[in-house]
Amino acid sequence: MAIQEKFAHVTVATKANIYFEGRVVSHALTLADGAKKTIGVIFPGAYTFNTAAPERMEIVAGSCRVKVAGETGWQEYGPGTFFDVPGSSSFDIEVTEGIAEYICSFG
């Protein structure tokens, strides 16, 4: 899967979404067709996120390991990979070194 390197014709929220005392930071995008995404970075640490809508997390750079609620084991993800999380669910994500960069698509 090729990771999208640029988004054209988008609206960007200038206020960042800041989680876990600045260890996870993203900005929200709305594409011309109304699709919602966030683009962000995850610094080293372990975090749990809850989902309202289904999400697809694409890893742009760096690496992480993830366990989606209901799964028994952790999975490793690097650049060019993705994982899906159902709506009304959660996932644990851990970055052990460097910074993981991601694109999150909703719906």
N, C-alpha and C. Protein backbone atom coordinates (compact mmCIF):
# COMPACT_ATOMS: atom_id res chain seq x y z
N MET A 1 0.85 -1.19 0.00
CA MET A 1 0.00 0.00 0.00
C MET A 1 0.88 1.24 0.00
N ALA A 2 0.62 2.16 -0.88
CA ALA A 2 1.38 3.40 -0.94
C ALA A 2 0.76 4.42 0.00
N ILE A 3 1.60 5.03 0.81
CA ILE A 3 1.14 6.07 1.73
C ILE A 3 1.03 7.38 0.97
N GLN A 4 -0.07 8.07 1.17
CA GLN A 4 -0.26 9.35 0.53
C GLN A 4 0.74 10.35 1.10
N GLU A 5 1.49 11.02 0.21
CA GLU A 5 2.51 11.96 0.65
C GLU A 5 2.00 13.38 0.76
N LYS A 6 0.92 13.71 0.05
CA LYS A 6 0.36 15.06 0.07
C LYS A 6 -1.16 14.97 -0.03
N PHE A 7 -1.82 15.96 0.54
CA PHE A 7 -3.26 16.11 0.39
C PHE A 7 -3.51 17.47 -0.24
N ALA A 8 -4.28 17.50 -1.32
CA ALA A 8 -4.62 18.76 -1.99
C ALA A 8 -6.04 19.16 -1.63
N HIS A 9 -6.31 20.45 -1.67
CA HIS A 9 -7.66 20.98 -1.49
C HIS A 9 -8.29 20.51 -0.17
N VAL A 10 -7.61 20.82 0.93
CA VAL A 10 -8.09 20.42 2.25
C VAL A 10 -8.28 21.64 3.15
N THR A 11 -9.10 21.45 4.15
CA THR A 11 -9.23 22.43 5.22
C THR A 11 -8.48 21.85 6.42
N VAL A 12 -7.61 22.64 7.02
CA VAL A 12 -6.80 22.18 8.14
C VAL A 12 -7.18 22.96 9.39
N ALA A 13 -7.43 22.24 10.47
CA ALA A 13 -7.67 22.89 11.76
C ALA A 13 -6.31 23.30 12.31
N THR A 14 -6.14 24.58 12.60
CA THR A 14 -4.84 25.06 13.07
C THR A 14 -4.59 24.70 14.53
N LYS A 15 -5.63 24.47 15.30
CA LYS A 15 -5.47 24.07 16.69
C LYS A 15 -5.14 22.58 16.73
N ALA A 16 -4.03 22.23 17.36
CA ALA A 16 -3.60 20.84 17.43
C ALA A 16 -4.46 20.06 18.43
N ASN A 17 -4.58 18.77 18.19
CA ASN A 17 -5.14 17.82 19.15
C ASN A 17 -3.94 17.31 19.94
N ILE A 18 -3.89 17.60 21.22
CA ILE A 18 -2.74 17.23 22.04
C ILE A 18 -3.19 16.24 23.10
N TYR A 19 -2.55 15.08 23.12
CA TYR A 19 -2.89 14.01 24.06
C TYR A 19 -1.65 13.63 24.88
N PHE A 20 -1.89 13.08 26.05
CA PHE A 20 -0.84 12.52 26.88
C PHE A 20 0.32 13.50 27.08
N GLU A 21 -0.05 14.72 27.53
CA GLU A 21 0.93 15.76 27.85
C GLU A 21 1.89 16.05 26.69
N GLY A 22 1.35 16.04 25.48
CA GLY A 22 2.14 16.39 24.30
C GLY A 22 2.90 15.24 23.69
N ARG A 23 2.69 14.02 24.16
CA ARG A 23 3.40 12.86 23.61
C ARG A 23 2.75 12.35 22.31
N VAL A 24 1.49 12.75 22.08
CA VAL A 24 0.79 12.45 20.83
C VAL A 24 0.13 13.75 20.37
N VAL A 25 0.45 14.16 19.14
CA VAL A 25 -0.05 15.43 18.61
C VAL A 25 -0.54 15.22 17.19
N SER A 26 -1.72 15.75 16.87
CA SER A 26 -2.24 15.65 15.51
C SER A 26 -2.97 16.91 15.11
N HIS A 27 -3.20 17.04 13.81
CA HIS A 27 -4.02 18.11 13.25
C HIS A 27 -5.11 17.47 12.39
N ALA A 28 -6.31 18.03 12.47
CA ALA A 28 -7.46 17.51 11.72
C ALA A 28 -7.52 18.12 10.32
N LEU A 29 -7.84 17.27 9.35
CA LEU A 29 -8.02 17.68 7.96
C LEU A 29 -9.43 17.31 7.52
N THR A 30 -10.02 18.15 6.69
CA THR A 30 -11.26 17.80 6.00
C THR A 30 -10.97 17.91 4.51
N LEU A 31 -11.12 16.79 3.81
CA LEU A 31 -10.86 16.76 2.37
C LEU A 31 -12.02 17.39 1.61
N ALA A 32 -11.80 17.68 0.35
CA ALA A 32 -12.81 18.33 -0.49
C ALA A 32 -14.10 17.52 -0.54
N ASP A 33 -13.99 16.19 -0.46
CA ASP A 33 -15.20 15.34 -0.51
C ASP A 33 -15.86 15.18 0.86
N GLY A 34 -15.34 15.87 1.89
CA GLY A 34 -15.90 15.82 3.22
C GLY A 34 -15.28 14.77 4.14
N ALA A 35 -14.39 13.94 3.60
CA ALA A 35 -13.73 12.92 4.41
C ALA A 35 -12.88 13.58 5.50
N LYS A 36 -12.85 12.95 6.68
CA LYS A 36 -12.10 13.48 7.82
C LYS A 36 -10.86 12.61 8.08
N LYS A 37 -9.75 13.28 8.35
CA LYS A 37 -8.50 12.60 8.67
C LYS A 37 -7.76 13.41 9.72
N THR A 38 -6.84 12.76 10.39
CA THR A 38 -5.87 13.48 11.20
C THR A 38 -4.49 13.02 10.77
N ILE A 39 -3.53 13.91 10.91
CA ILE A 39 -2.12 13.61 10.63
C ILE A 39 -1.36 13.95 11.90
N GLY A 40 -0.53 13.01 12.36
CA GLY A 40 0.12 13.29 13.62
C GLY A 40 1.39 12.51 13.87
N VAL A 41 1.91 12.73 15.09
CA VAL A 41 3.13 12.07 15.54
C VAL A 41 2.89 11.48 16.93
N ILE A 42 3.58 10.37 17.18
CA ILE A 42 3.51 9.71 18.48
C ILE A 42 4.94 9.55 18.98
N PHE A 43 5.23 10.15 20.12
CA PHE A 43 6.54 10.05 20.74
C PHE A 43 6.60 8.76 21.58
N PRO A 44 7.80 8.31 21.95
CA PRO A 44 7.91 7.06 22.71
C PRO A 44 7.02 7.03 23.94
N GLY A 45 6.38 5.87 24.14
CA GLY A 45 5.50 5.66 25.27
C GLY A 45 4.43 4.66 24.89
N ALA A 46 3.55 4.37 25.85
CA ALA A 46 2.42 3.46 25.64
C ALA A 46 1.13 4.22 25.93
N TYR A 47 0.16 4.09 25.03
CA TYR A 47 -1.06 4.89 25.10
C TYR A 47 -2.27 4.03 24.75
N THR A 48 -3.43 4.41 25.29
CA THR A 48 -4.69 3.76 24.94
C THR A 48 -5.63 4.82 24.39
N PHE A 49 -6.22 4.53 23.23
CA PHE A 49 -7.17 5.43 22.59
C PHE A 49 -8.52 4.72 22.45
N ASN A 50 -9.59 5.45 22.69
CA ASN A 50 -10.95 4.97 22.45
C ASN A 50 -11.42 5.51 21.11
N THR A 51 -12.24 4.73 20.41
CA THR A 51 -12.77 5.15 19.12
C THR A 51 -14.27 5.32 19.19
N ALA A 52 -14.77 6.34 18.52
CA ALA A 52 -16.22 6.51 18.36
C ALA A 52 -16.60 5.87 17.02
N ALA A 53 -15.99 6.36 15.94
CA ALA A 53 -16.22 5.83 14.60
C ALA A 53 -15.08 4.86 14.25
N PRO A 54 -15.27 4.02 13.24
CA PRO A 54 -14.17 3.18 12.78
C PRO A 54 -12.99 4.04 12.33
N GLU A 55 -11.78 3.54 12.53
CA GLU A 55 -10.57 4.27 12.15
C GLU A 55 -9.61 3.36 11.41
N ARG A 56 -8.89 3.94 10.48
CA ARG A 56 -7.75 3.27 9.84
C ARG A 56 -6.52 4.11 10.14
N MET A 57 -5.53 3.49 10.76
CA MET A 57 -4.27 4.15 11.09
C MET A 57 -3.20 3.67 10.13
N GLU A 58 -2.68 4.60 9.32
CA GLU A 58 -1.60 4.30 8.39
C GLU A 58 -0.31 4.83 8.99
N ILE A 59 0.72 4.01 9.03
CA ILE A 59 2.01 4.43 9.56
C ILE A 59 2.84 4.99 8.41
N VAL A 60 3.22 6.26 8.53
CA VAL A 60 3.97 6.96 7.49
C VAL A 60 5.47 6.79 7.71
N ALA A 61 5.91 6.90 8.96
CA ALA A 61 7.33 6.78 9.30
C ALA A 61 7.44 6.26 10.72
N GLY A 62 8.57 5.65 11.04
CA GLY A 62 8.77 5.09 12.36
C GLY A 62 8.06 3.76 12.48
N SER A 63 7.91 3.30 13.72
CA SER A 63 7.23 2.02 13.94
C SER A 63 6.52 2.03 15.28
N CYS A 64 5.61 1.08 15.43
CA CYS A 64 4.84 0.96 16.67
C CYS A 64 4.35 -0.47 16.77
N ARG A 65 3.85 -0.79 17.94
CA ARG A 65 3.13 -2.06 18.10
C ARG A 65 1.76 -1.73 18.65
N VAL A 66 0.78 -2.53 18.24
CA VAL A 66 -0.62 -2.22 18.50
C VAL A 66 -1.37 -3.47 18.94
N LYS A 67 -2.30 -3.26 19.85
CA LYS A 67 -3.25 -4.31 20.22
C LYS A 67 -4.64 -3.69 20.22
N VAL A 68 -5.47 -4.12 19.29
CA VAL A 68 -6.85 -3.65 19.18
C VAL A 68 -7.68 -4.42 20.21
N ALA A 69 -8.62 -3.74 20.84
CA ALA A 69 -9.49 -4.38 21.83
C ALA A 69 -10.07 -5.67 21.27
N GLY A 70 -10.04 -6.73 22.08
CA GLY A 70 -10.57 -8.01 21.65
C GLY A 70 -9.54 -8.92 21.02
N GLU A 71 -8.38 -8.38 20.64
CA GLU A 71 -7.31 -9.21 20.08
C GLU A 71 -6.44 -9.70 21.23
N THR A 72 -5.81 -10.84 21.05
CA THR A 72 -5.01 -11.42 22.13
C THR A 72 -3.55 -11.00 22.09
N GLY A 73 -3.03 -10.65 20.92
CA GLY A 73 -1.61 -10.34 20.83
C GLY A 73 -1.34 -8.99 20.21
N TRP A 74 -0.10 -8.57 20.34
CA TRP A 74 0.38 -7.33 19.76
C TRP A 74 0.84 -7.57 18.33
N GLN A 75 0.65 -6.56 17.47
CA GLN A 75 1.12 -6.61 16.08
C GLN A 75 2.08 -5.44 15.85
N GLU A 76 3.12 -5.67 15.07
CA GLU A 76 4.11 -4.63 14.74
C GLU A 76 3.72 -3.95 13.43
N TYR A 77 3.89 -2.63 13.37
CA TYR A 77 3.58 -1.87 12.17
C TYR A 77 4.71 -0.90 11.88
N GLY A 78 5.09 -0.81 10.60
CA GLY A 78 6.12 0.11 10.16
C GLY A 78 5.62 0.92 9.00
N PRO A 79 6.50 1.71 8.38
CA PRO A 79 6.09 2.56 7.26
C PRO A 79 5.40 1.76 6.15
N GLY A 80 4.29 2.30 5.67
CA GLY A 80 3.56 1.68 4.58
C GLY A 80 2.55 0.63 5.03
N THR A 81 2.40 0.45 6.35
CA THR A 81 1.43 -0.52 6.85
C THR A 81 0.28 0.22 7.53
N PHE A 82 -0.80 -0.50 7.82
CA PHE A 82 -1.95 0.11 8.48
C PHE A 82 -2.67 -0.92 9.34
N PHE A 83 -3.50 -0.41 10.25
CA PHE A 83 -4.39 -1.28 11.00
C PHE A 83 -5.74 -0.59 11.12
N ASP A 84 -6.79 -1.38 11.25
CA ASP A 84 -8.16 -0.89 11.38
C ASP A 84 -8.67 -1.12 12.79
N VAL A 85 -9.44 -0.16 13.28
CA VAL A 85 -10.05 -0.26 14.60
C VAL A 85 -11.55 -0.03 14.44
N PRO A 86 -12.38 -0.93 14.98
CA PRO A 86 -13.83 -0.72 14.87
C PRO A 86 -14.28 0.51 15.66
N GLY A 87 -15.47 1.01 15.32
CA GLY A 87 -16.07 2.08 16.11
C GLY A 87 -16.47 1.55 17.48
N SER A 88 -16.61 2.46 18.43
CA SER A 88 -16.98 2.10 19.81
C SER A 88 -16.05 1.02 20.36
N SER A 89 -14.77 1.23 20.16
CA SER A 89 -13.77 0.26 20.58
C SER A 89 -12.58 1.01 21.17
N SER A 90 -11.42 0.36 21.20
CA SER A 90 -10.20 1.00 21.66
C SER A 90 -9.00 0.25 21.12
N PHE A 91 -7.83 0.88 21.25
CA PHE A 91 -6.59 0.20 20.91
C PHE A 91 -5.47 0.74 21.79
N ASP A 92 -4.52 -0.15 22.05
CA ASP A 92 -3.29 0.22 22.75
C ASP A 92 -2.21 0.36 21.70
N ILE A 93 -1.39 1.40 21.83
CA ILE A 93 -0.30 1.62 20.89
C ILE A 93 0.95 1.97 21.67
N GLU A 94 2.07 1.40 21.23
CA GLU A 94 3.33 1.65 21.91
C GLU A 94 4.42 1.95 20.89
N VAL A 95 5.15 3.03 21.16
CA VAL A 95 6.33 3.40 20.38
C VAL A 95 7.51 3.27 21.33
N THR A 96 8.49 2.44 20.96
CA THR A 96 9.61 2.21 21.86
C THR A 96 10.81 3.09 21.57
N GLU A 97 10.95 3.53 20.33
CA GLU A 97 12.05 4.43 20.00
C GLU A 97 11.69 5.29 18.80
N GLY A 98 12.30 6.46 18.73
CA GLY A 98 12.01 7.37 17.63
C GLY A 98 10.59 7.92 17.72
N ILE A 99 10.09 8.36 16.60
CA ILE A 99 8.76 8.95 16.50
C ILE A 99 7.98 8.22 15.41
N ALA A 100 6.78 7.81 15.71
CA ALA A 100 5.89 7.24 14.70
C ALA A 100 5.03 8.35 14.12
N GLU A 101 4.98 8.44 12.81
CA GLU A 101 4.13 9.41 12.12
C GLU A 101 2.96 8.65 11.49
N TYR A 102 1.77 9.24 11.54
CA TYR A 102 0.60 8.51 11.06
C TYR A 102 -0.41 9.40 10.37
N ILE A 103 -1.28 8.74 9.60
CA ILE A 103 -2.50 9.33 9.04
C ILE A 103 -3.64 8.48 9.55
N CYS A 104 -4.62 9.11 10.16
CA CYS A 104 -5.80 8.40 10.66
C CYS A 104 -7.02 8.82 9.83
N SER A 105 -7.70 7.84 9.25
CA SER A 105 -8.92 8.09 8.48
C SER A 105 -10.11 7.61 9.27
N PHE A 106 -11.18 8.38 9.26
CA PHE A 106 -12.38 8.07 10.05
C PHE A 106 -13.51 7.62 9.15
N GLY A 107 -14.31 6.67 9.66
CA GLY A 107 -15.51 6.25 8.96
C GLY A 107 -15.24 5.10 8.11
